[in-house]
Amino acid sequence: MNALQFKNGQVRLADVAKPSRADEAIVRVLLSGICNTDLEIARGYAGFEGTLGHEFVGVVEEAPGRSDLLGKRVVGEINAGCGKCSLCRAHDPRHCPTRTVLGIHGRDGAHAEFLSLPMENLLAVPDEVSDEEAVFVEPLAAAYGIYEQVPLGHHTRVAIIGDGKLGLLVALSYGATAGTALLVGKHDKKLAIARNAGIETCLLKDLDRSANNSFDVVVEASGSASGFATALDLVRQRGKIVLKSTFSGEPTWAASRVVVDEITIVGSRCGRFEPALKLLGRGKLDLSPFISDEFRLTDGVRAMERAAEPGVLKVLLRP
């Protein structure tokens, strides 16, 4: 089968064997989405080599012992645990010490014609959710996953730094479920997506510094050191900063300010898929403005180049 791989420092289209893992489902990929993490892996983040991609929607073609899954349209949780540790026994393998992660760590990913995942990782996609919506479940779950870690309610003052895909999804998911937030970014065209959904936005250059130290929670989704500095400016004493971005390199930050103002720093990675699917099923999120382009999988190298261009949001691959 065809697969878009990162190996020996290069992204390339490869002809590889169809995946086969004992007791796992084989899924035929319908659509996959290129994520910033894919781009960072191609720059050296995580030390991963193999088939890229972790955002997908597909159809189950093989499901040993689970005939009820055959032919079903599915998305899949990306962390596959050992099944034996206390975390896995609690049905949460996201931090299993020996987990593999689809397209990121120890497991070939979704930018391919087929992929393999444990049956328990798969969730059926409701009929009312299109393929083009379902492919966003993983990043939407990551955005929505903040709720697991930080209490957010109608009276919580929330600011979000970054108008890329993740920052926009955090803003839209929060606006559709809890309350209003301020989204701060550098690109008015991207901020317009949030404004059209009723989210308050502000260009970074126009940010009113009288708002400094006034937000209960600040979500840093820009993936830049300057974004973290802005978050430190906006968060109140004893407030919380949620870090959502993954990127290569070693950032620097003002540790003394964190200590003096007693700020809590929360790392936030993967979220649960089920709440994200339910949110999509309610039909309150219009994700079509996020799709910048679509390529055939065989044009995957060009698709990765396109995804790295300034101003581009989501680039999809169709096998």
Protein backbone atom coordinates (compact mmCIF):
# COMPACT_ATOMS: atom_id res chain seq x y z
CA MET A 1 0.00 0.00 0.00
CA ASN A 2 0.98 3.67 -0.27
CA ALA A 3 2.06 5.48 2.89
CA LEU A 4 3.51 8.91 3.59
CA GLN A 5 6.57 8.32 5.74
CA PHE A 6 9.30 10.22 7.50
CA LYS A 7 12.58 8.32 7.41
CA ASN A 8 16.24 9.27 7.35
CA GLY A 9 15.38 12.92 7.66
CA GLN A 10 13.02 13.00 4.66
CA VAL A 11 9.29 12.87 4.00
CA ARG A 12 8.54 10.50 1.13
CA LEU A 13 5.79 8.40 -0.40
CA ALA A 14 6.60 4.74 0.24
CA ASP A 15 5.28 1.39 -0.94
CA VAL A 16 4.94 -0.61 2.28
CA ALA A 17 3.23 -3.75 3.51
CA LYS A 18 -0.39 -3.47 4.62
CA PRO A 19 -0.44 -3.39 8.46
CA SER A 20 -1.14 -6.57 10.32
CA ARG A 21 -1.20 -6.80 14.12
CA ALA A 22 -2.66 -9.72 16.04
CA ASP A 23 -6.05 -8.96 17.59
CA GLU A 24 -6.24 -5.47 16.06
CA ALA A 25 -8.65 -3.96 13.57
CA ILE A 26 -7.61 -3.02 10.05
CA VAL A 27 -9.13 0.27 8.94
CA ARG A 28 -9.29 1.53 5.35
CA VAL A 29 -8.57 5.24 5.56
CA LEU A 30 -11.10 7.56 3.90
CA LEU A 31 -9.51 10.88 4.89
CA SER A 32 -6.58 11.94 7.04
CA GLY A 33 -5.59 15.38 8.24
CA ILE A 34 -2.11 16.86 8.35
CA CYS A 35 -1.40 18.22 11.81
CA ASN A 36 1.26 20.63 13.08
CA THR A 37 2.67 17.64 14.95
CA ASP A 38 3.33 15.94 11.59
CA LEU A 39 5.24 19.03 10.49
CA GLU A 40 7.20 19.11 13.75
CA ILE A 41 8.06 15.40 13.43
CA ALA A 42 9.50 16.20 9.98
CA ARG A 43 11.66 18.83 11.75
CA GLY A 44 12.90 16.32 14.33
CA TYR A 45 10.29 16.44 17.11
CA ALA A 46 9.80 13.16 19.04
CA GLY A 47 12.43 11.21 17.10
CA PHE A 48 9.74 9.29 15.22
CA GLU A 49 10.34 7.46 11.96
CA GLY A 50 7.60 5.70 10.01
CA THR A 51 4.17 6.49 8.58
CA LEU A 52 2.94 9.91 9.69
CA GLY A 53 -0.57 10.97 10.65
CA HIS A 54 -2.98 10.54 13.56
CA GLU A 55 -6.15 12.35 12.42
CA PHE A 56 -8.39 10.10 10.34
CA VAL A 57 -11.78 8.68 9.50
CA GLY A 58 -12.05 5.26 7.90
CA VAL A 59 -13.99 2.04 7.42
CA VAL A 60 -13.27 -1.16 9.38
CA GLU A 61 -12.28 -3.97 7.01
CA GLU A 62 -10.98 -6.52 9.52
CA ALA A 63 -11.97 -6.87 13.18
CA PRO A 64 -11.03 -10.23 14.73
CA GLY A 65 -13.78 -11.28 17.14
CA ARG A 66 -15.76 -8.04 16.58
CA SER A 67 -17.99 -8.64 13.56
CA ASP A 68 -20.19 -5.76 14.76
CA LEU A 69 -17.45 -3.33 13.70
CA LEU A 70 -17.08 -4.60 10.13
CA GLY A 71 -18.04 -2.00 7.56
CA LYS A 72 -18.52 0.70 10.19
CA ARG A 73 -17.20 4.20 9.63
CA VAL A 74 -14.90 4.98 12.57
CA VAL A 75 -12.41 7.32 14.14
CA GLY A 76 -9.78 6.05 16.57
CA GLU A 77 -8.17 7.08 19.84
CA ILE A 78 -4.48 7.42 19.01
CA ASN A 79 -2.91 5.95 22.17
CA ALA A 80 -2.64 2.16 22.34
CA GLY A 81 -1.68 0.90 25.79
CA CYS A 82 -0.34 -2.36 27.17
CA GLY A 83 -3.77 -3.36 28.52
CA LYS A 84 -2.26 -4.46 31.84
CA CYS A 85 -1.13 -1.40 33.82
CA SER A 86 -3.44 0.47 36.20
CA LEU A 87 -4.05 3.20 33.63
CA CYS A 88 -5.06 0.75 30.92
CA ARG A 89 -7.28 -1.18 33.34
CA ALA A 90 -9.02 2.14 34.03
CA HIS A 91 -9.61 2.44 30.24
CA ASP A 92 -7.27 5.41 29.88
CA PRO A 93 -4.03 4.40 28.08
CA ARG A 94 -3.02 7.98 27.29
CA HIS A 95 -0.15 7.79 29.77
CA CYS A 96 0.55 4.07 29.76
CA PRO A 97 4.35 3.78 30.19
CA THR A 98 4.66 1.41 27.22
CA ARG A 99 1.98 2.89 24.97
CA THR A 100 2.38 3.39 21.26
CA VAL A 101 0.88 6.46 19.60
CA LEU A 102 -0.53 6.46 16.09
CA GLY A 103 1.90 8.18 13.74
CA ILE A 104 3.91 9.67 16.63
CA HIS A 105 5.55 6.94 18.71
CA GLY A 106 6.14 3.28 17.93
CA ARG A 107 3.17 2.85 15.58
CA ASP A 108 2.69 3.65 11.91
CA GLY A 109 0.07 6.29 11.32
CA ALA A 110 -2.91 7.36 9.25
CA HIS A 111 -1.40 8.95 6.13
CA ALA A 112 -1.75 5.62 4.38
CA GLU A 113 -4.32 3.45 2.65
CA PHE A 114 -4.77 1.30 5.78
CA LEU A 115 -3.94 1.49 9.47
CA SER A 116 -4.15 -0.80 12.48
CA LEU A 117 -5.55 -0.02 15.95
CA PRO A 118 -6.91 -2.03 18.87
CA MET A 119 -10.67 -2.57 18.61
CA GLU A 120 -11.27 -0.72 21.88
CA ASN A 121 -9.74 2.43 20.35
CA LEU A 122 -12.40 2.70 17.65
CA LEU A 123 -15.59 4.76 17.87
CA ALA A 124 -18.38 4.61 15.30
CA VAL A 125 -19.11 7.88 13.53
CA PRO A 126 -22.78 8.96 13.63
CA ASP A 127 -24.49 9.21 10.25
CA GLU A 128 -25.08 12.93 10.71
CA VAL A 129 -21.32 13.60 10.94
CA SER A 130 -19.61 13.83 7.53
CA ASP A 131 -16.15 12.47 6.73
CA GLU A 132 -14.88 16.05 6.47
CA GLU A 133 -16.12 16.70 10.01
CA ALA A 134 -15.07 13.35 11.47
CA VAL A 135 -11.45 13.84 10.42
CA PHE A 136 -11.34 16.72 12.94
CA VAL A 137 -12.32 14.55 15.93
CA GLU A 138 -8.75 14.09 17.18
CA PRO A 139 -7.78 17.80 17.27
CA LEU A 140 -11.26 18.72 18.52
CA ALA A 141 -10.88 16.16 21.31
CA ALA A 142 -7.49 17.67 22.16
CA ALA A 143 -9.10 21.12 22.36
CA TYR A 144 -12.08 19.87 24.35
CA GLY A 145 -9.79 17.84 26.62
CA ILE A 146 -8.91 20.98 28.59
CA TYR A 147 -12.20 20.43 30.45
CA GLU A 148 -10.75 17.27 32.01
CA GLN A 149 -7.91 19.19 33.59
CA VAL A 150 -9.14 22.71 34.31
CA PRO A 151 -12.61 23.68 35.59
CA LEU A 152 -14.19 26.02 33.04
CA GLY A 153 -17.60 27.57 33.49
CA HIS A 154 -19.71 30.48 32.29
CA HIS A 155 -18.04 32.85 34.74
CA THR A 156 -14.45 31.75 34.04
CA ARG A 157 -12.46 34.46 32.25
CA VAL A 158 -10.63 32.61 29.47
CA ALA A 159 -8.10 33.90 26.93
CA ILE A 160 -6.67 31.77 24.12
CA ILE A 161 -3.35 32.64 22.47
CA GLY A 162 -2.94 31.53 18.86
CA ASP A 163 -5.25 31.59 15.82
CA GLY A 164 -4.03 28.38 14.23
CA LYS A 165 -6.14 25.23 13.98
CA LEU A 166 -5.80 24.28 17.62
CA GLY A 167 -6.43 27.75 19.03
CA LEU A 168 -9.51 28.15 16.86
CA LEU A 169 -10.86 24.73 17.88
CA VAL A 170 -10.31 25.54 21.57
CA ALA A 171 -12.23 28.78 21.12
CA LEU A 172 -15.09 27.22 19.16
CA SER A 173 -15.49 24.22 21.47
CA TYR A 174 -15.50 26.46 24.54
CA GLY A 175 -17.95 28.86 22.94
CA ALA A 176 -20.28 26.01 21.98
CA THR A 177 -20.35 24.47 25.44
CA ALA A 178 -19.47 26.79 28.32
CA GLY A 179 -19.17 30.48 27.61
CA THR A 180 -17.22 33.17 25.83
CA ALA A 181 -13.48 33.57 25.55
CA LEU A 182 -11.06 36.05 24.04
CA LEU A 183 -9.04 34.64 21.13
CA VAL A 184 -5.78 36.51 20.48
CA GLY A 185 -3.95 36.04 17.20
CA LYS A 186 -1.90 37.65 14.45
CA HIS A 187 -4.09 36.96 11.40
CA ASP A 188 -7.41 38.74 10.96
CA LYS A 189 -8.54 36.25 8.28
CA LYS A 190 -8.17 33.36 10.73
CA LEU A 191 -9.70 35.30 13.60
CA ALA A 192 -12.73 35.93 11.37
CA ILE A 193 -13.57 32.21 11.59
CA ALA A 194 -13.99 32.60 15.35
CA ARG A 195 -15.80 35.93 15.08
CA ASN A 196 -18.33 34.37 12.70
CA ALA A 197 -19.02 31.79 15.42
CA GLY A 198 -19.66 34.51 18.00
CA ILE A 199 -16.22 34.42 19.65
CA GLU A 200 -14.57 37.67 20.80
CA THR A 201 -11.23 38.15 19.04
CA CYS A 202 -8.31 40.54 19.14
CA LEU A 203 -5.20 41.04 17.03
CA LEU A 204 -2.08 40.70 19.16
CA LYS A 205 -0.87 44.15 18.11
CA ASP A 206 -4.16 45.67 19.31
CA LEU A 207 -4.29 43.82 22.63
CA ASP A 208 -5.38 46.13 25.45
CA ARG A 209 -2.67 45.75 28.06
CA SER A 210 -5.09 46.93 30.72
CA ALA A 211 -6.36 43.35 30.48
CA ASN A 212 -3.05 42.08 31.91
CA ASN A 213 -3.36 39.83 34.96
CA SER A 214 -7.14 39.60 34.55
CA PHE A 215 -7.83 36.16 33.08
CA ASP A 216 -8.49 33.09 35.22
CA VAL A 217 -7.28 30.68 32.54
CA VAL A 218 -5.05 31.35 29.53
CA VAL A 219 -4.63 28.66 26.90
CA GLU A 220 -1.34 28.88 24.98
CA ALA A 221 -1.92 27.35 21.54
CA SER A 222 0.49 29.34 19.39
CA GLY A 223 3.48 27.06 19.90
CA SER A 224 5.84 30.01 20.34
CA ALA A 225 7.90 31.49 23.16
CA SER A 226 6.26 34.87 22.54
CA GLY A 227 2.85 33.21 23.00
CA PHE A 228 3.88 31.94 26.41
CA ALA A 229 5.12 35.42 27.35
CA THR A 230 1.73 36.86 26.36
CA ALA A 231 0.00 34.20 28.43
CA LEU A 232 2.08 35.20 31.45
CA ASP A 233 1.04 38.81 30.94
CA LEU A 234 -2.67 38.00 30.71
CA VAL A 235 -3.13 35.44 33.48
CA ARG A 236 -4.07 36.66 36.94
CA GLN A 237 -2.17 35.83 40.12
CA ARG A 238 -2.87 32.21 41.05
CA GLY A 239 -4.43 31.68 37.64
CA LYS A 240 -3.72 28.81 35.26
CA ILE A 241 -1.87 28.60 31.95
CA VAL A 242 -2.70 25.59 29.79
CA LEU A 243 0.01 24.60 27.30
CA LYS A 244 -1.48 22.91 24.21
CA SER A 245 1.29 23.09 21.61
CA THR A 246 4.01 20.59 20.80
CA PHE A 247 7.07 21.76 18.87
CA SER A 248 10.75 20.99 18.47
CA GLY A 249 13.36 23.06 20.26
CA GLU A 250 13.87 24.20 23.85
CA PRO A 251 11.72 27.21 24.83
CA THR A 252 12.74 29.68 27.53
CA TRP A 253 10.31 31.15 30.02
CA ALA A 254 10.24 33.48 33.02
CA ALA A 255 10.18 30.97 35.86
CA SER A 256 10.40 33.70 38.51
CA ARG A 257 7.08 35.20 37.40
CA VAL A 258 5.42 31.80 37.68
CA VAL A 259 6.73 31.44 41.22
CA VAL A 260 5.99 34.99 42.42
CA ASP A 261 2.46 35.05 40.99
CA GLU A 262 1.84 31.40 42.00
CA ILE A 263 0.69 30.47 38.51
CA THR A 264 -0.27 26.89 37.75
CA ILE A 265 1.13 25.51 34.46
CA VAL A 266 -0.91 22.66 32.98
CA GLY A 267 0.28 20.52 30.09
CA SER A 268 -2.63 19.28 27.96
CA ARG A 269 -2.23 16.75 25.16
CA CYS A 270 -4.92 14.27 24.14
CA GLY A 271 -8.62 14.44 24.91
CA ARG A 272 -11.37 11.83 24.83
CA PHE A 273 -13.00 11.26 21.44
CA GLU A 274 -16.55 10.57 22.63
CA PRO A 275 -17.31 14.14 23.82
CA ALA A 276 -15.87 15.53 20.58
CA LEU A 277 -18.06 13.22 18.49
CA LYS A 278 -21.12 14.26 20.47
CA LEU A 279 -20.25 17.92 19.98
CA LEU A 280 -20.00 17.39 16.23
CA GLY A 281 -23.25 15.44 16.22
CA ARG A 282 -25.06 18.45 17.68
CA GLY A 283 -24.28 20.34 14.47
CA LYS A 284 -23.17 23.52 16.21
CA LEU A 285 -19.67 23.67 14.78
CA ASP A 286 -18.99 24.69 11.18
CA LEU A 287 -15.55 23.29 10.40
CA SER A 288 -15.61 23.89 6.65
CA PRO A 289 -13.60 27.16 6.94
CA PHE A 290 -10.75 25.13 8.46
CA ILE A 291 -10.14 23.12 5.28
CA SER A 292 -7.53 24.93 3.19
CA ASP A 293 -6.80 22.19 0.67
CA GLU A 294 -7.10 18.50 -0.18
CA PHE A 295 -4.58 16.25 -1.93
CA ARG A 296 -4.41 12.65 -3.04
CA LEU A 297 -2.21 10.56 -0.77
CA THR A 298 0.15 10.04 -3.71
CA ASP A 299 0.77 13.81 -3.60
CA GLY A 300 1.50 13.65 0.13
CA VAL A 301 4.93 15.29 -0.04
CA ARG A 302 3.43 18.32 -1.76
CA ALA A 303 0.57 18.27 0.75
CA MET A 304 3.05 18.52 3.64
CA GLU A 305 4.72 21.47 1.92
CA ARG A 306 1.33 23.11 1.46
CA ALA A 307 0.42 22.53 5.12
CA ALA A 308 3.60 24.35 6.17
CA GLU A 309 2.79 27.48 4.15
CA PRO A 310 1.82 30.62 6.11
CA GLY A 311 -1.90 31.11 6.60
CA VAL A 312 -2.84 27.51 5.82
CA LEU A 313 -5.14 25.71 8.26
CA LYS A 314 -6.10 22.07 7.59
CA VAL A 315 -4.79 20.10 4.61
CA LEU A 316 -6.52 16.76 4.01
CA LEU A 317 -5.20 13.61 2.33
CA ARG A 318 -7.49 11.22 0.48
CA PRO A 319 -6.07 7.79 -0.38
